Amino acid sequence: MSEELSTTRDDLAILPTHSIVEVAQEAERRVDAIIKIKQIALKVTNATDWTDQQGKPYLQGSGAEKVANLFNISWRIDEPRIETEDDGHFTYTYKGEFSLAGRSVQVDGSRSSKDPFFKKYDYSKDEQGKTTKTEKPLSAIDKRDVKMAAMTNLLGNGVTRILGIRNLTWDDLLKFAGIKQSEVAGVHYTKDGDKPPLKEPKKTNGKTEKEDSKLISYTKISDIKEYPAKKQGGNPSYRIIGTLEGNEQSFWTFDTKIKDLAESEKNSNVLLVLEFTKSTVGDKTYLNIVSLTRSEREPGAEG
């Protein structure tokens, strides 16, 4: 074995000393450039441009478009390919070419209906009043949601790869953009693949009690209703109808900015990041909106 290594070494062309120094200097310049690119790219994003996917930062379509515009990245994306399995589950795959400063990379982006994120459920109560959750059939999954997610994967992969900033960490986001992991909407699954259930609100002698922790989900807006103030000089309240795990729910707010955003995205099929708390008054439970922000749109094929 030592003879083989020796022979291989003898066959190598030995670089002159000045060439080795130049290679080292060029490598150092590239490292500095990558750090600078990472700093600039992350700085243009905010917390709503990211998702906490099982503990890792995941760049959404909105963030990828911001970074692409900043660096003038162009792309060409083919029509998506859809593959259907025997059990009816399907996968969308996009292929694209991303270009920057004369360099191009080929990238794929896929998403499957098997992803627990797309599961939908029916809820019912038994004779004891306990709520049970039953998974809806595969036909309940919106194909457009899966298609959008595949496009998002493609954009995130393409932009980070062409810039050489893949495998980002929460330390990177905090250092270069001031974004904390706690500020980012999260998607986490239990061992069996289902989303963890939301915590039930506590009841204390019929009095209102708000949850200490904020709950985060994704929703689409289907309707908005305004209710006049109960007291003279007070502010009206807004009942925003959205989806929560595949079912319509009523969310409440007094914030006109939240109402305006919901109004602009009503029936648009755009996913919004919804942060809310639960409170109880007697036997009634209310979902109170803390914040509502855009999540991701399905971008055009050209950038």
Protein backbone atom coordinates (compact mmCIF):
# COMPACT_ATOMS: atom_id res chain seq x y z
CA MET A 1 0.00 0.00 0.00
CA SER A 2 2.86 2.39 0.83
CA GLU A 3 4.40 1.69 -2.56
CA GLU A 4 1.09 2.55 -4.26
CA LEU A 5 0.90 5.86 -2.38
CA SER A 6 4.51 6.62 -3.22
CA THR A 7 3.98 5.91 -6.90
CA THR A 8 0.87 8.09 -6.98
CA ARG A 9 2.74 10.94 -5.34
CA ASP A 10 5.61 10.69 -7.82
CA ASP A 11 3.12 10.99 -10.67
CA LEU A 12 1.75 14.30 -9.39
CA ALA A 13 2.94 17.54 -10.93
CA ILE A 14 4.57 19.66 -8.24
CA LEU A 15 3.36 23.25 -8.32
CA PRO A 16 5.90 26.03 -8.00
CA THR A 17 5.89 27.77 -4.63
CA HIS A 18 4.48 31.01 -6.04
CA SER A 19 1.60 29.06 -7.65
CA ILE A 20 0.69 27.42 -4.34
CA VAL A 21 0.61 30.83 -2.65
CA GLU A 22 -1.64 32.21 -5.39
CA VAL A 23 -4.03 29.26 -5.01
CA ALA A 24 -4.18 29.84 -1.26
CA GLN A 25 -4.78 33.55 -1.69
CA GLU A 26 -7.56 32.93 -4.22
CA ALA A 27 -9.19 30.40 -1.88
CA GLU A 28 -9.07 32.93 0.95
CA ARG A 29 -10.68 35.60 -1.25
CA ARG A 30 -13.46 33.16 -2.14
CA VAL A 31 -14.12 32.41 1.52
CA ASP A 32 -14.38 36.14 2.25
CA ALA A 33 -16.72 36.57 -0.73
CA ILE A 34 -19.02 33.75 0.41
CA ILE A 35 -19.24 35.24 3.91
CA LYS A 36 -20.06 38.64 2.43
CA ILE A 37 -22.69 37.14 0.09
CA LYS A 38 -24.28 35.30 3.01
CA GLN A 39 -24.37 38.48 5.06
CA ILE A 40 -26.00 40.54 2.31
CA ALA A 41 -28.43 37.80 1.25
CA LEU A 42 -29.76 37.14 4.74
CA LYS A 43 -30.02 40.81 5.60
CA VAL A 44 -32.66 41.36 2.90
CA THR A 45 -34.97 38.73 4.45
CA ASN A 46 -37.17 38.83 7.54
CA ALA A 47 -38.71 36.25 9.86
CA THR A 48 -41.75 35.65 7.64
CA ASP A 49 -39.44 34.59 4.77
CA TRP A 50 -38.33 31.54 6.75
CA THR A 51 -39.89 28.40 8.18
CA ASP A 52 -38.57 26.29 11.05
CA GLN A 53 -38.62 22.83 9.46
CA GLN A 54 -37.91 20.29 12.17
CA GLY A 55 -35.36 22.59 13.79
CA LYS A 56 -33.63 23.84 10.62
CA PRO A 57 -34.16 27.17 8.79
CA TYR A 58 -35.95 26.74 5.46
CA LEU A 59 -36.05 29.62 2.95
CA GLN A 60 -39.55 30.19 1.58
CA GLY A 61 -40.45 31.44 -1.88
CA SER A 62 -40.85 35.04 -0.71
CA GLY A 63 -37.30 35.09 0.70
CA ALA A 64 -35.80 33.36 -2.34
CA GLU A 65 -37.35 35.99 -4.63
CA LYS A 66 -35.94 38.83 -2.49
CA VAL A 67 -32.43 37.37 -2.61
CA ALA A 68 -32.69 36.61 -6.33
CA ASN A 69 -33.74 40.19 -7.09
CA LEU A 70 -30.92 41.57 -4.97
CA PHE A 71 -28.21 39.63 -6.84
CA ASN A 72 -29.96 39.76 -10.23
CA ILE A 73 -30.21 35.96 -10.40
CA SER A 74 -32.13 34.72 -13.43
CA TRP A 75 -33.76 31.37 -13.95
CA ARG A 76 -35.54 29.23 -16.46
CA ILE A 77 -38.03 26.71 -15.10
CA ASP A 78 -39.57 23.79 -16.99
CA GLU A 79 -43.19 22.75 -16.66
CA PRO A 80 -43.67 20.59 -13.54
CA ARG A 81 -43.72 16.82 -13.79
CA ILE A 82 -46.31 14.97 -11.73
CA GLU A 83 -45.85 11.32 -10.79
CA THR A 84 -48.75 9.34 -9.35
CA GLU A 85 -48.22 6.18 -7.31
CA ASP A 86 -50.47 3.14 -7.16
CA ASP A 87 -52.02 4.29 -3.87
CA GLY A 88 -53.00 7.64 -5.40
CA HIS A 89 -50.30 9.76 -3.77
CA PHE A 90 -48.52 12.12 -6.11
CA THR A 91 -45.28 14.09 -6.37
CA TYR A 92 -44.68 17.37 -8.18
CA THR A 93 -41.15 17.99 -9.49
CA TYR A 94 -39.79 21.17 -11.06
CA LYS A 95 -36.47 21.38 -12.92
CA GLY A 96 -34.77 24.72 -13.42
CA GLU A 97 -31.57 26.42 -14.45
CA PHE A 98 -30.33 29.30 -12.29
CA SER A 99 -27.74 31.73 -13.65
CA LEU A 100 -25.52 34.43 -12.16
CA ALA A 101 -22.48 36.20 -13.65
CA GLY A 102 -22.03 33.68 -16.45
CA ARG A 103 -22.36 30.64 -14.19
CA SER A 104 -25.37 28.29 -14.22
CA VAL A 105 -26.56 25.39 -12.08
CA GLN A 106 -29.25 22.77 -12.71
CA VAL A 107 -31.63 22.29 -9.75
CA ASP A 108 -34.67 20.16 -8.91
CA GLY A 109 -37.48 20.93 -6.49
CA SER A 110 -40.00 18.27 -5.41
CA ARG A 111 -42.85 17.84 -2.94
CA SER A 112 -45.02 14.80 -2.27
CA SER A 113 -48.61 14.54 -1.07
CA LYS A 114 -47.25 12.07 1.51
CA ASP A 115 -45.74 14.98 3.43
CA PRO A 116 -47.66 15.22 6.73
CA PHE A 117 -48.01 18.97 6.19
CA PHE A 118 -50.71 18.36 3.58
CA LYS A 119 -52.86 16.03 5.66
CA LYS A 120 -56.39 17.21 6.43
CA TYR A 121 -58.66 16.06 9.23
CA ASP A 122 -62.27 15.82 10.33
CA TYR A 123 -63.10 16.51 13.98
CA SER A 124 -66.00 15.08 15.92
CA LYS A 125 -67.04 14.59 19.53
CA ASP A 126 -68.00 11.30 21.13
CA GLU A 127 -70.68 10.77 23.76
CA GLN A 128 -68.31 11.90 26.49
CA GLY A 129 -67.62 15.15 24.63
CA LYS A 130 -64.06 14.15 23.78
CA THR A 131 -62.83 15.43 20.42
CA THR A 132 -61.50 12.81 18.01
CA LYS A 133 -59.49 13.49 14.88
CA THR A 134 -59.94 11.45 11.70
CA GLU A 135 -57.70 11.87 8.69
CA LYS A 136 -59.54 12.88 5.55
CA PRO A 137 -59.06 10.83 2.35
CA LEU A 138 -56.27 11.59 -0.09
CA SER A 139 -58.75 13.35 -2.37
CA ALA A 140 -59.04 16.17 0.20
CA ILE A 141 -55.44 17.26 -0.42
CA ASP A 142 -55.24 20.36 -2.61
CA LYS A 143 -52.91 19.60 -5.54
CA ARG A 144 -52.10 23.28 -5.89
CA ASP A 145 -50.67 23.33 -2.36
CA VAL A 146 -48.27 20.50 -3.24
CA LYS A 147 -47.37 22.19 -6.52
CA MET A 148 -46.65 25.50 -4.75
CA ALA A 149 -44.44 23.75 -2.22
CA ALA A 150 -42.44 22.05 -5.01
CA MET A 151 -41.85 25.45 -6.63
CA THR A 152 -40.76 26.88 -3.28
CA ASN A 153 -38.26 24.05 -2.85
CA LEU A 154 -36.88 24.71 -6.33
CA LEU A 155 -36.43 28.43 -5.73
CA GLY A 156 -34.82 27.94 -2.33
CA ASN A 157 -32.47 25.27 -3.65
CA GLY A 158 -31.55 27.23 -6.77
CA VAL A 159 -30.90 30.58 -5.10
CA THR A 160 -28.85 29.19 -2.19
CA ARG A 161 -26.88 26.87 -4.46
CA ILE A 162 -25.94 29.48 -7.07
CA LEU A 163 -24.75 31.75 -4.24
CA GLY A 164 -22.95 28.97 -2.37
CA ILE A 165 -24.86 29.51 0.88
CA ARG A 166 -26.57 26.18 1.45
CA ASN A 167 -26.92 24.49 4.87
CA LEU A 168 -27.64 27.73 6.68
CA THR A 169 -27.96 27.68 10.47
CA TRP A 170 -29.95 29.67 13.02
CA ASP A 171 -26.66 31.24 14.11
CA ASP A 172 -26.25 32.53 10.54
CA LEU A 173 -29.72 34.09 10.56
CA LEU A 174 -29.16 35.68 13.95
CA LYS A 175 -25.67 36.97 13.10
CA PHE A 176 -26.37 38.38 9.64
CA ALA A 177 -30.09 39.25 9.76
CA GLY A 178 -30.98 39.50 13.45
CA ILE A 179 -33.63 36.77 13.00
CA LYS A 180 -34.19 34.55 16.02
CA GLN A 181 -35.47 31.00 15.70
CA SER A 182 -38.29 31.86 18.10
CA GLU A 183 -39.55 34.51 15.64
CA VAL A 184 -39.96 32.05 12.77
CA ALA A 185 -43.10 30.02 12.15
CA GLY A 186 -42.44 26.35 12.73
CA VAL A 187 -43.56 23.09 11.17
CA HIS A 188 -42.86 20.12 13.43
CA TYR A 189 -44.13 16.57 13.33
CA THR A 190 -44.39 13.81 15.89
CA LYS A 191 -42.72 10.44 15.36
CA ASP A 192 -45.74 9.00 13.58
CA GLY A 193 -45.67 11.89 11.09
CA ASP A 194 -48.72 13.80 12.27
CA LYS A 195 -48.61 17.42 13.31
CA PRO A 196 -48.65 17.75 17.11
CA PRO A 197 -52.10 18.72 18.42
CA LEU A 198 -52.69 22.25 19.60
CA LYS A 199 -52.89 22.63 23.36
CA GLU A 200 -56.38 22.82 24.76
CA PRO A 201 -57.13 26.04 26.70
CA LYS A 202 -57.29 25.80 30.46
CA LYS A 203 -60.52 26.67 32.26
CA THR A 204 -60.61 28.32 35.66
CA ASN A 205 -64.10 28.72 37.12
CA GLY A 206 -65.46 30.00 33.82
CA LYS A 207 -63.04 32.95 33.76
CA THR A 208 -61.03 33.94 30.73
CA GLU A 209 -57.51 32.54 30.69
CA LYS A 210 -55.10 33.12 27.81
CA GLU A 211 -52.40 30.66 26.91
CA ASP A 212 -48.88 31.79 27.79
CA SER A 213 -47.47 30.43 24.53
CA LYS A 214 -48.39 31.62 21.06
CA LEU A 215 -49.60 29.07 18.52
CA ILE A 216 -48.54 29.22 14.88
CA SER A 217 -50.29 27.74 11.87
CA TYR A 218 -50.88 28.40 8.18
CA THR A 219 -54.23 29.53 6.85
CA LYS A 220 -56.14 30.73 3.81
CA ILE A 221 -58.75 33.47 4.25
CA SER A 222 -62.29 32.72 3.07
CA ASP A 223 -64.35 35.48 4.70
CA ILE A 224 -64.19 38.55 6.95
CA LYS A 225 -66.95 40.03 9.10
CA GLU A 226 -66.93 43.32 11.00
CA TYR A 227 -68.75 43.82 14.30
CA PRO A 228 -69.42 47.31 15.75
CA ALA A 229 -67.85 48.34 19.01
CA LYS A 230 -69.83 47.33 22.09
CA LYS A 231 -68.97 50.57 23.85
CA GLN A 232 -69.27 54.10 22.50
CA GLY A 233 -65.91 55.27 21.23
CA GLY A 234 -64.56 51.73 21.12
CA ASN A 235 -63.01 49.91 18.18
CA PRO A 236 -64.88 47.42 16.00
CA SER A 237 -63.82 43.79 16.10
CA TYR A 238 -63.17 41.61 13.07
CA ARG A 239 -64.02 37.96 12.68
CA ILE A 240 -61.67 36.41 10.12
CA ILE A 241 -62.62 33.00 8.75
CA GLY A 242 -59.61 30.86 7.94
CA THR A 243 -58.57 27.23 7.85
CA LEU A 244 -56.90 25.36 10.67
CA GLU A 245 -55.77 21.81 9.85
CA GLY A 246 -58.21 21.65 6.97
CA ASN A 247 -61.25 23.02 8.86
CA GLU A 248 -62.74 26.51 8.87
CA GLN A 249 -62.22 28.43 12.10
CA SER A 250 -63.07 31.92 13.35
CA PHE A 251 -60.17 34.13 14.41
CA TRP A 252 -60.68 37.50 16.12
CA THR A 253 -58.80 40.79 16.04
CA PHE A 254 -59.25 44.54 16.63
CA ASP A 255 -56.22 45.35 14.43
CA THR A 256 -57.24 47.08 11.19
CA LYS A 257 -53.88 46.23 9.55
CA ILE A 258 -54.51 42.53 10.10
CA LYS A 259 -58.04 42.98 8.75
CA ASP A 260 -56.73 44.80 5.65
CA LEU A 261 -54.20 42.04 4.89
CA ALA A 262 -56.85 39.37 5.33
CA GLU A 263 -59.17 41.35 3.04
CA SER A 264 -56.49 41.62 0.34
CA GLU A 265 -55.85 37.86 0.38
CA LYS A 266 -59.47 36.76 0.75
CA ASN A 267 -60.17 33.76 -1.51
CA SER A 268 -56.71 34.15 -3.11
CA ASN A 269 -55.57 30.62 -2.10
CA VAL A 270 -52.40 32.18 -0.65
CA LEU A 271 -51.02 30.67 2.55
CA LEU A 272 -50.65 33.15 5.40
CA VAL A 273 -48.64 32.68 8.58
CA LEU A 274 -51.08 32.98 11.48
CA GLU A 275 -49.91 33.53 15.05
CA PHE A 276 -52.65 33.37 17.66
CA THR A 277 -53.57 32.57 21.24
CA LYS A 278 -56.55 30.76 22.73
CA SER A 279 -58.78 32.15 25.44
CA THR A 280 -61.91 30.85 27.12
CA VAL A 281 -65.02 32.61 28.39
CA GLY A 282 -67.25 30.10 30.13
CA ASP A 283 -67.60 27.18 27.76
CA LYS A 284 -66.61 29.16 24.67
CA THR A 285 -63.14 29.18 23.15
CA TYR A 286 -61.82 32.14 21.15
CA LEU A 287 -58.83 32.23 18.82
CA ASN A 288 -57.24 35.68 19.04
CA ILE A 289 -54.87 36.82 16.31
CA VAL A 290 -51.45 38.07 17.39
CA SER A 291 -50.04 38.52 13.89
CA LEU A 292 -50.89 37.65 10.29
CA THR A 293 -48.20 37.76 7.59
CA ARG A 294 -47.76 36.53 4.04
CA SER A 295 -46.11 33.15 3.72
CA GLU A 296 -45.44 32.27 0.08
CA ARG A 297 -46.94 32.81 -3.36
CA GLU A 298 -46.47 30.66 -6.39
CA PRO A 299 -43.93 32.64 -8.43
CA GLY A 300 -43.93 32.95 -12.20
CA ALA A 301 -41.73 30.74 -14.28
CA GLU A 302 -39.26 33.49 -15.07
CA GLY A 303 -37.21 35.57 -12.69
